[in-house]
Amino acid sequence: MGVTMFLLGLLYVVVIGLLLALGIGWFFALVIASGALLAQWYFSDRIALYSMSAREVTVEQAPQLHEVVDRLCSLADMPKPRVAIADTDMPNAFATGRSPNRAVVCVTTGLLRRLDVEEVEGVLSHELSHVAHRDVLVMTVASVAGVVAGFITRMALWGGLGRTRDRDQNAAVIVVAVLLVSVLVYAVSFVLTRMLSRYRELAADRAGALLTGRPSALASALTKVSGEIAAIPSQDLRERQALNAFFFAPALSPGNSLANLFATHPPLQQRLENLARISADLER
């Protein structure tokens, strides 16, 4: 999935390059690239719910789930998001939406079957922290920054290409340089965006643990969910992995330290150690 997302970002590079090569103005090309990311942010709640085949549920349909969300929102003094359930055995949860007033929090039936009430509360406190921190907006801005950084680099190099064509026949060399620099700029922004994603997960763990005052419940939920996900067939997990960045725990975790560089979530052990430190601080 990391390779797929890298190629999707690279597609932005190729598309903008083609637009420029066809003579379309740089401003129009920039609008297209930024507009695509803006649409992903604006419709993030609908896209995520559709991808997970999730349905919104009322208080009458899921009273216990709504009760937990109500209690946490009251503690956090934040507007209550819409509540949804995805009918899948994969135990997980996510929250998305362009603002706290347009957010949705979703849990899977697999998660509700496996966790007790305190653990579900820990998971939801983590997800509501994402909403309060406006993480969908943060990650969208980070993505746009990467696209714009690559775009500015290409514009500067294409400007040099135009001047070179007037002087000599080395245009092909400049074209290769444009491509290589564009790929390099995107690669760096990709790694930085993933690093930011991991930090926001740690921040959500901390905020969620402090909100409930029970880091151990969140740690227990993380351990259970990660263990249960590992037992689910990889093919089933890959069908859901497109939402990895939104999930409470990744559908498929990287298997080595190099892969961790491109991971959307920190390693499980790091998250558990941070929660243990928070628990010790609260006890003192």
C-alpha atoms as a PDB file:
ATOM      1  CA  MET A   1       0.000   0.000   0.000  1.00  0.00           C
ATOM      2  CA  GLY A   2       2.932   2.309   0.649  1.00  0.00           C
ATOM      3  CA  VAL A   3       4.146   1.723  -2.899  1.00  0.00           C
ATOM      4  CA  THR A   4       0.615   2.362  -4.175  1.00  0.00           C
ATOM      5  CA  MET A   5       0.320   5.690  -2.358  1.00  0.00           C
ATOM      6  CA  PHE A   6       3.767   6.674  -3.589  1.00  0.00           C
ATOM      7  CA  LEU A   7       2.708   5.959  -7.159  1.00  0.00           C
ATOM      8  CA  LEU A   8      -0.533   7.893  -6.660  1.00  0.00           C
ATOM      9  CA  GLY A   9       1.482  10.892  -5.572  1.00  0.00           C
ATOM     10  CA  LEU A  10       3.830  10.380  -8.476  1.00  0.00           C
ATOM     11  CA  LEU A  11       0.768  10.428 -10.704  1.00  0.00           C
ATOM     12  CA  TYR A  12       0.170  14.020  -9.606  1.00  0.00           C
ATOM     13  CA  VAL A  13       3.696  14.777 -10.792  1.00  0.00           C
ATOM     14  CA  VAL A  14       3.131  13.138 -14.169  1.00  0.00           C
ATOM     15  CA  VAL A  15      -0.268  14.765 -14.723  1.00  0.00           C
ATOM     16  CA  ILE A  16       1.005  18.249 -13.919  1.00  0.00           C
ATOM     17  CA  GLY A  17       4.044  17.660 -16.124  1.00  0.00           C
ATOM     18  CA  LEU A  18       1.792  16.618 -19.011  1.00  0.00           C
ATOM     19  CA  LEU A  19      -0.436  19.656 -18.502  1.00  0.00           C
ATOM     20  CA  LEU A  20       2.600  21.897 -18.654  1.00  0.00           C
ATOM     21  CA  ALA A  21       3.992  20.050 -21.673  1.00  0.00           C
ATOM     22  CA  LEU A  22       0.668  20.567 -23.444  1.00  0.00           C
ATOM     23  CA  GLY A  23       0.968  24.285 -22.845  1.00  0.00           C
ATOM     24  CA  ILE A  24      -1.658  24.616 -20.118  1.00  0.00           C
ATOM     25  CA  GLY A  25      -0.869  27.480 -17.781  1.00  0.00           C
ATOM     26  CA  TRP A  26       0.969  26.751 -14.515  1.00  0.00           C
ATOM     27  CA  PHE A  27      -1.795  28.378 -12.458  1.00  0.00           C
ATOM     28  CA  PHE A  28      -4.446  26.104 -13.962  1.00  0.00           C
ATOM     29  CA  ALA A  29      -2.247  23.055 -13.374  1.00  0.00           C
ATOM     30  CA  LEU A  30      -1.742  24.050  -9.733  1.00  0.00           C
ATOM     31  CA  VAL A  31      -5.490  24.541  -9.289  1.00  0.00           C
ATOM     32  CA  ILE A  32      -6.163  21.032 -10.631  1.00  0.00           C
ATOM     33  CA  ALA A  33      -3.631  19.412  -8.285  1.00  0.00           C
ATOM     34  CA  SER A  34      -4.761  21.335  -5.196  1.00  0.00           C
ATOM     35  CA  GLY A  35      -8.426  20.928  -6.139  1.00  0.00           C
ATOM     36  CA  ALA A  36      -8.120  17.149  -6.194  1.00  0.00           C
ATOM     37  CA  LEU A  37      -6.676  17.123  -2.673  1.00  0.00           C
ATOM     38  CA  LEU A  38      -9.257  19.647  -1.491  1.00  0.00           C
ATOM     39  CA  ALA A  39     -12.061  17.408  -2.769  1.00  0.00           C
ATOM     40  CA  GLN A  40     -10.570  14.450  -0.881  1.00  0.00           C
ATOM     41  CA  TRP A  41     -10.617  16.534   2.325  1.00  0.00           C
ATOM     42  CA  TYR A  42     -14.099  18.018   1.782  1.00  0.00           C
ATOM     43  CA  PHE A  43     -15.734  14.650   1.089  1.00  0.00           C
ATOM     44  CA  SER A  44     -13.491  12.609   3.401  1.00  0.00           C
ATOM     45  CA  ASP A  45     -16.392  11.457   5.604  1.00  0.00           C
ATOM     46  CA  ARG A  46     -18.467  10.225   2.655  1.00  0.00           C
ATOM     47  CA  ILE A  47     -15.488   8.578   0.982  1.00  0.00           C
ATOM     48  CA  ALA A  48     -14.462   6.749   4.159  1.00  0.00           C
ATOM     49  CA  LEU A  49     -17.975   5.525   4.977  1.00  0.00           C
ATOM     50  CA  TYR A  50     -18.516   4.365   1.405  1.00  0.00           C
ATOM     51  CA  SER A  51     -15.154   2.568   1.328  1.00  0.00           C
ATOM     52  CA  MET A  52     -15.997   0.684   4.525  1.00  0.00           C
ATOM     53  CA  SER A  53     -19.648   0.053   3.538  1.00  0.00           C
ATOM     54  CA  ALA A  54     -20.552   1.691   6.855  1.00  0.00           C
ATOM     55  CA  ARG A  55     -23.963   2.998   7.877  1.00  0.00           C
ATOM     56  CA  GLU A  56     -24.853   5.776  10.276  1.00  0.00           C
ATOM     57  CA  VAL A  57     -26.759   4.549  13.339  1.00  0.00           C
ATOM     58  CA  THR A  58     -29.242   6.330  15.590  1.00  0.00           C
ATOM     59  CA  VAL A  59     -29.452   6.255  19.382  1.00  0.00           C
ATOM     60  CA  GLU A  60     -32.232   3.686  19.117  1.00  0.00           C
ATOM     61  CA  GLN A  61     -30.112   1.426  16.880  1.00  0.00           C
ATOM     62  CA  ALA A  62     -26.918   1.578  18.987  1.00  0.00           C
ATOM     63  CA  PRO A  63     -27.748   3.024  22.423  1.00  0.00           C
ATOM     64  CA  GLN A  64     -24.600   1.825  24.227  1.00  0.00           C
ATOM     65  CA  LEU A  65     -22.285   3.140  21.513  1.00  0.00           C
ATOM     66  CA  HIS A  66     -24.023   6.533  21.506  1.00  0.00           C
ATOM     67  CA  GLU A  67     -23.830   6.637  25.298  1.00  0.00           C
ATOM     68  CA  VAL A  68     -20.049   6.247  25.201  1.00  0.00           C
ATOM     69  CA  VAL A  69     -19.681   8.923  22.511  1.00  0.00           C
ATOM     70  CA  ASP A  70     -21.968  11.308  24.435  1.00  0.00           C
ATOM     71  CA  ARG A  71     -19.953  10.868  27.624  1.00  0.00           C
ATOM     72  CA  LEU A  72     -16.612  11.457  25.911  1.00  0.00           C
ATOM     73  CA  CYS A  73     -17.837  14.500  23.991  1.00  0.00           C
ATOM     74  CA  SER A  74     -19.144  15.965  27.249  1.00  0.00           C
ATOM     75  CA  LEU A  75     -15.760  15.415  28.915  1.00  0.00           C
ATOM     76  CA  ALA A  76     -13.923  16.918  25.950  1.00  0.00           C
ATOM     77  CA  ASP A  77     -16.423  19.785  25.541  1.00  0.00           C
ATOM     78  CA  MET A  78     -16.706  19.137  21.818  1.00  0.00           C
ATOM     79  CA  PRO A  79     -19.647  18.720  19.407  1.00  0.00           C
ATOM     80  CA  LYS A  80     -20.893  15.180  19.004  1.00  0.00           C
ATOM     81  CA  PRO A  81     -19.963  13.622  15.659  1.00  0.00           C
ATOM     82  CA  ARG A  82     -22.207  11.323  13.672  1.00  0.00           C
ATOM     83  CA  VAL A  83     -21.898   7.684  14.698  1.00  0.00           C
ATOM     84  CA  ALA A  84     -21.544   4.814  12.231  1.00  0.00           C
ATOM     85  CA  ILE A  85     -20.974   1.065  12.235  1.00  0.00           C
ATOM     86  CA  ALA A  86     -19.213  -0.976   9.548  1.00  0.00           C
ATOM     87  CA  ASP A  87     -20.301  -4.600   9.287  1.00  0.00           C
ATOM     88  CA  THR A  88     -16.907  -6.305   9.052  1.00  0.00           C
ATOM     89  CA  ASP A  89     -15.119  -8.793  11.275  1.00  0.00           C
ATOM     90  CA  MET A  90     -11.926  -6.729  11.237  1.00  0.00           C
ATOM     91  CA  PRO A  91     -11.750  -5.041  14.672  1.00  0.00           C
ATOM     92  CA  ASN A  92     -11.041  -1.378  14.036  1.00  0.00           C
ATOM     93  CA  ALA A  93     -12.368   2.173  14.184  1.00  0.00           C
ATOM     94  CA  PHE A  94     -11.782   5.496  12.483  1.00  0.00           C
ATOM     95  CA  ALA A  95     -12.885   9.108  12.605  1.00  0.00           C
ATOM     96  CA  THR A  96     -12.899  11.532   9.721  1.00  0.00           C
ATOM     97  CA  GLY A  97     -14.569  14.705   8.495  1.00  0.00           C
ATOM     98  CA  ARG A  98     -13.490  18.148   7.408  1.00  0.00           C
ATOM     99  CA  SER A  99     -14.250  19.754  10.805  1.00  0.00           C
ATOM    100  CA  PRO A 100     -15.484  18.791  14.296  1.00  0.00           C
ATOM    101  CA  ASN A 101     -18.972  19.892  13.243  1.00  0.00           C
ATOM    102  CA  ARG A 102     -18.903  17.655  10.146  1.00  0.00           C
ATOM    103  CA  ALA A 103     -17.154  14.630  11.648  1.00  0.00           C
ATOM    104  CA  VAL A 104     -18.145  10.992  11.814  1.00  0.00           C
ATOM    105  CA  VAL A 105     -16.771   8.286  14.082  1.00  0.00           C
ATOM    106  CA  CYS A 106     -17.117   4.678  12.953  1.00  0.00           C
ATOM    107  CA  VAL A 107     -16.488   1.350  14.666  1.00  0.00           C
ATOM    108  CA  THR A 108     -16.676  -2.116  13.173  1.00  0.00           C
ATOM    109  CA  THR A 109     -18.884  -4.917  14.413  1.00  0.00           C
ATOM    110  CA  GLY A 110     -15.708  -6.937  14.887  1.00  0.00           C
ATOM    111  CA  LEU A 111     -14.413  -4.373  17.368  1.00  0.00           C
ATOM    112  CA  LEU A 112     -17.669  -4.227  19.312  1.00  0.00           C
ATOM    113  CA  ARG A 113     -17.721  -8.018  19.637  1.00  0.00           C
ATOM    114  CA  ARG A 114     -14.169  -8.279  20.957  1.00  0.00           C
ATOM    115  CA  LEU A 115     -13.753  -5.320  23.338  1.00  0.00           C
ATOM    116  CA  ASP A 116     -15.430  -4.514  26.632  1.00  0.00           C
ATOM    117  CA  VAL A 117     -17.039  -1.137  27.312  1.00  0.00           C
ATOM    118  CA  GLU A 118     -13.925   0.483  28.831  1.00  0.00           C
ATOM    119  CA  GLU A 119     -11.789  -0.642  25.898  1.00  0.00           C
ATOM    120  CA  VAL A 120     -14.320   0.670  23.388  1.00  0.00           C
ATOM    121  CA  GLU A 121     -14.290   3.952  25.309  1.00  0.00           C
ATOM    122  CA  GLY A 122     -10.493   4.031  25.020  1.00  0.00           C
ATOM    123  CA  VAL A 123     -10.656   3.480  21.264  1.00  0.00           C
ATOM    124  CA  LEU A 124     -13.315   6.168  20.802  1.00  0.00           C
ATOM    125  CA  SER A 125     -11.371   8.646  22.957  1.00  0.00           C
ATOM    126  CA  HIS A 126      -8.440   8.157  20.587  1.00  0.00           C
ATOM    127  CA  GLU A 127     -10.631   8.703  17.529  1.00  0.00           C
ATOM    128  CA  LEU A 128     -12.366  11.752  18.982  1.00  0.00           C
ATOM    129  CA  SER A 129      -8.923  13.220  19.670  1.00  0.00           C
ATOM    130  CA  HIS A 130      -8.269  13.077  15.931  1.00  0.00           C
ATOM    131  CA  VAL A 131     -11.474  15.041  15.399  1.00  0.00           C
ATOM    132  CA  ALA A 132     -10.617  17.633  18.055  1.00  0.00           C
ATOM    133  CA  HIS A 133      -7.110  18.049  16.625  1.00  0.00           C
ATOM    134  CA  ARG A 134      -8.524  18.459  13.093  1.00  0.00           C
ATOM    135  CA  ASP A 135      -6.108  15.794  11.879  1.00  0.00           C
ATOM    136  CA  VAL A 136      -7.878  15.296   8.550  1.00  0.00           C
ATOM    137  CA  LEU A 137      -7.251  18.977   7.777  1.00  0.00           C
ATOM    138  CA  VAL A 138      -3.671  18.741   9.045  1.00  0.00           C
ATOM    139  CA  MET A 139      -2.865  15.757   6.836  1.00  0.00           C
ATOM    140  CA  THR A 140      -4.555  17.370   3.828  1.00  0.00           C
ATOM    141  CA  VAL A 141      -2.491  20.530   4.251  1.00  0.00           C
ATOM    142  CA  ALA A 142       0.631  18.376   4.582  1.00  0.00           C
ATOM    143  CA  SER A 143      -0.239  16.557   1.358  1.00  0.00           C
ATOM    144  CA  VAL A 144      -0.912  19.799  -0.492  1.00  0.00           C
ATOM    145  CA  ALA A 145       2.417  21.153   0.749  1.00  0.00           C
ATOM    146  CA  GLY A 146       4.191  18.162  -0.793  1.00  0.00           C
ATOM    147  CA  VAL A 147       2.414  18.584  -4.106  1.00  0.00           C
ATOM    148  CA  VAL A 148       3.072  22.334  -4.188  1.00  0.00           C
ATOM    149  CA  ALA A 149       6.741  21.840  -3.245  1.00  0.00           C
ATOM    150  CA  GLY A 150       7.215  19.458  -6.152  1.00  0.00           C
ATOM    151  CA  PHE A 151       5.250  21.759  -8.427  1.00  0.00           C
ATOM    152  CA  ILE A 152       7.385  24.802  -7.586  1.00  0.00           C
ATOM    153  CA  THR A 153      10.537  22.757  -8.208  1.00  0.00           C
ATOM    154  CA  ARG A 154       9.283  21.638 -11.593  1.00  0.00           C
ATOM    155  CA  MET A 155       8.241  25.152 -12.570  1.00  0.00           C
ATOM    156  CA  ALA A 156      11.710  26.460 -11.798  1.00  0.00           C
ATOM    157  CA  LEU A 157      13.356  23.685 -13.781  1.00  0.00           C
ATOM    158  CA  TRP A 158      10.928  24.008 -16.700  1.00  0.00           C
ATOM    159  CA  GLY A 159      11.787  27.699 -16.803  1.00  0.00           C
ATOM    160  CA  GLY A 160      15.433  26.703 -17.078  1.00  0.00           C
ATOM    161  CA  LEU A 161      14.507  24.220 -19.807  1.00  0.00           C
ATOM    162  CA  GLY A 162      12.934  26.957 -21.916  1.00  0.00           C
ATOM    163  CA  ARG A 163      16.065  29.072 -21.686  1.00  0.00           C
ATOM    164  CA  THR A 164      18.284  26.069 -22.457  1.00  0.00           C
ATOM    165  CA  ARG A 165      16.349  25.264 -25.635  1.00  0.00           C
ATOM    166  CA  ASP A 166      17.182  28.695 -26.922  1.00  0.00           C
ATOM    167  CA  ARG A 167      20.916  28.132 -26.305  1.00  0.00           C
ATOM    168  CA  ASP A 168      21.782  24.512 -27.121  1.00  0.00           C
ATOM    169  CA  GLN A 169      20.547  20.975 -27.755  1.00  0.00           C
ATOM    170  CA  ASN A 170      20.834  19.664 -24.198  1.00  0.00           C
ATOM    171  CA  ALA A 171      17.090  19.863 -23.577  1.00  0.00           C
ATOM    172  CA  ALA A 172      16.818  16.083 -23.090  1.00  0.00           C
ATOM    173  CA  VAL A 173      19.277  16.211 -20.186  1.00  0.00           C
ATOM    174  CA  ILE A 174      17.241  18.952 -18.531  1.00  0.00           C
ATOM    175  CA  VAL A 175      14.049  16.912 -18.996  1.00  0.00           C
ATOM    176  CA  VAL A 176      15.644  14.000 -17.131  1.00  0.00           C
ATOM    177  CA  ALA A 177      16.803  16.393 -14.414  1.00  0.00           C
ATOM    178  CA  VAL A 178      13.248  17.732 -14.090  1.00  0.00           C
ATOM    179  CA  LEU A 179      11.893  14.212 -13.639  1.00  0.00           C
ATOM    180  CA  LEU A 180      14.559  13.173 -11.108  1.00  0.00           C
ATOM    181  CA  VAL A 181      14.217  16.299  -8.988  1.00  0.00           C
ATOM    182  CA  SER A 182      10.416  16.043  -9.066  1.00  0.00           C
ATOM    183  CA  VAL A 183      10.556  12.434  -7.874  1.00  0.00           C
ATOM    184  CA  LEU A 184      13.066  13.345  -5.150  1.00  0.00           C
ATOM    185  CA  VAL A 185      10.947  16.249  -3.879  1.00  0.00           C
ATOM    186  CA  TYR A 186       7.875  14.063  -3.762  1.00  0.00           C
ATOM    187  CA  ALA A 187       9.767  11.218  -2.042  1.00  0.00           C
ATOM    188  CA  VAL A 188      10.937  13.544   0.735  1.00  0.00           C
ATOM    189  CA  SER A 189       7.450  15.015   1.213  1.00  0.00           C
ATOM    190  CA  PHE A 190       5.991  11.492   1.274  1.00  0.00           C
ATOM    191  CA  VAL A 191       8.319  10.394   4.078  1.00  0.00           C
ATOM    192  CA  LEU A 192       7.668  13.591   6.054  1.00  0.00           C
ATOM    193  CA  THR A 193       3.903  13.200   5.675  1.00  0.00           C
ATOM    194  CA  ARG A 194       4.080   9.635   6.981  1.00  0.00           C
ATOM    195  CA  MET A 195       6.219  10.823   9.890  1.00  0.00           C
ATOM    196  CA  LEU A 196       3.570  13.440  10.679  1.00  0.00           C
ATOM    197  CA  SER A 197       0.908  10.737  10.539  1.00  0.00           C
ATOM    198  CA  ARG A 198       2.775   8.665  13.129  1.00  0.00           C
ATOM    199  CA  TYR A 199       3.144  11.653  15.426  1.00  0.00           C
ATOM    200  CA  ARG A 200      -0.565  12.417  15.236  1.00  0.00           C
ATOM    201  CA  GLU A 201      -1.320   8.840  16.274  1.00  0.00           C
ATOM    202  CA  LEU A 202       0.880   9.222  19.359  1.00  0.00           C
ATOM    203  CA  ALA A 203      -0.789  12.562  20.132  1.00  0.00           C
ATOM    204  CA  ALA A 204      -4.237  10.961  19.814  1.00  0.00           C
ATOM    205  CA  ASP A 205      -3.148   8.115  22.136  1.00  0.00           C
ATOM    206  CA  ARG A 206      -2.004  10.616  24.728  1.00  0.00           C
ATOM    207  CA  ALA A 207      -5.070  12.858  24.471  1.00  0.00           C
ATOM    208  CA  GLY A 208      -7.409   9.861  24.576  1.00  0.00           C
ATOM    209  CA  ALA A 209      -5.671   8.381  27.619  1.00  0.00           C
ATOM    210  CA  LEU A 210      -5.803  11.689  29.486  1.00  0.00           C
ATOM    211  CA  LEU A 211      -9.451  12.222  28.537  1.00  0.00           C
ATOM    212  CA  THR A 212     -10.623   8.953  30.084  1.00  0.00           C
ATOM    213  CA  GLY A 213      -7.939   8.761  32.755  1.00  0.00           C
ATOM    214  CA  ARG A 214      -7.491   5.072  31.879  1.00  0.00           C
ATOM    215  CA  PRO A 215      -4.421   4.564  29.653  1.00  0.00           C
ATOM    216  CA  SER A 216      -4.510   0.855  30.510  1.00  0.00           C
ATOM    217  CA  ALA A 217      -7.883   0.444  28.784  1.00  0.00           C
ATOM    218  CA  LEU A 218      -6.516   2.014  25.598  1.00  0.00           C
ATOM    219  CA  ALA A 219      -3.381  -0.148  25.818  1.00  0.00           C
ATOM    220  CA  SER A 220      -5.530  -3.255  26.290  1.00  0.00           C
ATOM    221  CA  ALA A 221      -7.636  -2.315  23.270  1.00  0.00           C
ATOM    222  CA  LEU A 222      -4.520  -1.759  21.160  1.00  0.00           C
ATOM    223  CA  THR A 223      -3.107  -5.137  22.137  1.00  0.00           C
ATOM    224  CA  LYS A 224      -6.352  -6.957  21.426  1.00  0.00           C
ATOM    225  CA  VAL A 225      -7.036  -5.214  18.128  1.00  0.00           C
ATOM    226  CA  SER A 226      -3.483  -5.694  16.828  1.00  0.00           C
ATOM    227  CA  GLY A 227      -3.518  -9.360  17.811  1.00  0.00           C
ATOM    228  CA  GLU A 228      -6.903 -10.005  16.251  1.00  0.00           C
ATOM    229  CA  ILE A 229      -5.966  -8.204  13.039  1.00  0.00           C
ATOM    230  CA  ALA A 230      -2.850 -10.360  12.745  1.00  0.00           C
ATOM    231  CA  ALA A 231      -5.079 -13.457  12.753  1.00  0.00           C
ATOM    232  CA  ILE A 232      -7.291 -12.228   9.901  1.00  0.00           C
ATOM    233  CA  PRO A 233      -6.338 -13.432   6.375  1.00  0.00           C
ATOM    234  CA  SER A 234      -4.126 -10.911   4.581  1.00  0.00           C
ATOM    235  CA  GLN A 235      -6.398 -10.833   1.527  1.00  0.00           C
ATOM    236  CA  ASP A 236      -9.328  -9.624   3.648  1.00  0.00           C
ATOM    237  CA  LEU A 237      -7.141  -6.970   5.278  1.00  0.00           C
ATOM    238  CA  ARG A 238      -5.862  -5.642   1.950  1.00  0.00           C
ATOM    239  CA  GLU A 239      -9.435  -4.906   0.906  1.00  0.00           C
ATOM    240  CA  ARG A 240      -9.648  -2.414   3.786  1.00  0.00           C
ATOM    241  CA  GLN A 241      -6.097  -1.131   3.836  1.00  0.00           C
ATOM    242  CA  ALA A 242      -6.813   1.964   1.733  1.00  0.00           C
ATOM    243  CA  LEU A 243      -8.084   3.571   4.961  1.00  0.00           C
ATOM    244  CA  ASN A 244      -4.974   2.691   6.970  1.00  0.00           C
ATOM    245  CA  ALA A 245      -4.214   6.317   7.767  1.00  0.00           C
ATOM    246  CA  PHE A 246      -7.656   6.688   9.389  1.00  0.00           C
ATOM    247  CA  PHE A 247      -7.727   3.426  11.342  1.00  0.00           C
ATOM    248  CA  PHE A 248      -7.191   3.029  15.088  1.00  0.00           C
ATOM    249  CA  ALA A 249      -4.630   0.308  14.245  1.00  0.00           C
ATOM    250  CA  PRO A 250      -3.223  -0.376  10.755  1.00  0.00           C
ATOM    251  CA  ALA A 251      -4.838  -3.177   8.762  1.00  0.00           C
ATOM    252  CA  LEU A 252      -1.390  -4.482   7.817  1.00  0.00           C
ATOM    253  CA  SER A 253       1.669  -3.481   9.810  1.00  0.00           C
ATOM    254  CA  PRO A 254       5.155  -3.077   8.297  1.00  0.00           C
ATOM    255  CA  GLY A 255       7.466  -5.935   9.068  1.00  0.00           C
ATOM    256  CA  ASN A 256      10.866  -4.230   9.378  1.00  0.00           C
ATOM    257  CA  SER A 257      12.483  -0.980  10.413  1.00  0.00           C
ATOM    258  CA  LEU A 258      12.802   0.285   6.821  1.00  0.00           C
ATOM    259  CA  ALA A 259       9.098  -0.306   6.210  1.00  0.00           C
ATOM    260  CA  ASN A 260       8.340   1.598   9.427  1.00  0.00           C
ATOM    261  CA  LEU A 261       9.679   4.697   7.679  1.00  0.00           C
ATOM    262  CA  PHE A 262       6.648   4.567   5.376  1.00  0.00           C
ATOM    263  CA  ALA A 263       4.119   3.435   8.022  1.00  0.00           C
ATOM    264  CA  THR A 264       1.070   5.531   8.912  1.00  0.00           C
ATOM    265  CA  HIS A 265       1.154   4.294  12.541  1.00  0.00           C
ATOM    266  CA  PRO A 266       3.961   3.940  15.099  1.00  0.00           C
ATOM    267  CA  PRO A 267       4.995   0.408  16.114  1.00  0.00           C
ATOM    268  CA  LEU A 268       2.670  -1.188  18.657  1.00  0.00           C
ATOM    269  CA  GLN A 269       5.445  -1.462  21.244  1.00  0.00           C
ATOM    270  CA  GLN A 270       6.153   2.276  21.060  1.00  0.00           C
ATOM    271  CA  ARG A 271       2.483   3.094  21.580  1.00  0.00           C
ATOM    272  CA  LEU A 272       2.238   0.744  24.562  1.00  0.00           C
ATOM    273  CA  GLU A 273       5.394   2.176  26.138  1.00  0.00           C
ATOM    274  CA  ASN A 274       4.052   5.724  25.781  1.00  0.00           C
ATOM    275  CA  LEU A 275       0.760   4.714  27.386  1.00  0.00           C
ATOM    276  CA  ALA A 276       2.650   3.027  30.234  1.00  0.00           C
ATOM    277  CA  ARG A 277       4.525   6.284  30.891  1.00  0.00           C
ATOM    278  CA  ILE A 278       1.264   8.239  30.869  1.00  0.00           C
ATOM    279  CA  SER A 279      -0.228   5.746  33.325  1.00  0.00           C
ATOM    280  CA  ALA A 280       2.770   6.135  35.642  1.00  0.00           C
ATOM    281  CA  ASP A 281       2.484   9.939  35.469  1.00  0.00           C
ATOM    282  CA  LEU A 282      -1.223   9.800  36.339  1.00  0.00           C
ATOM    283  CA  GLU A 283      -0.544   7.532  39.326  1.00  0.00           C
ATOM    284  CA  ARG A 284       1.954  10.030  40.680  1.00  0.00           C
END
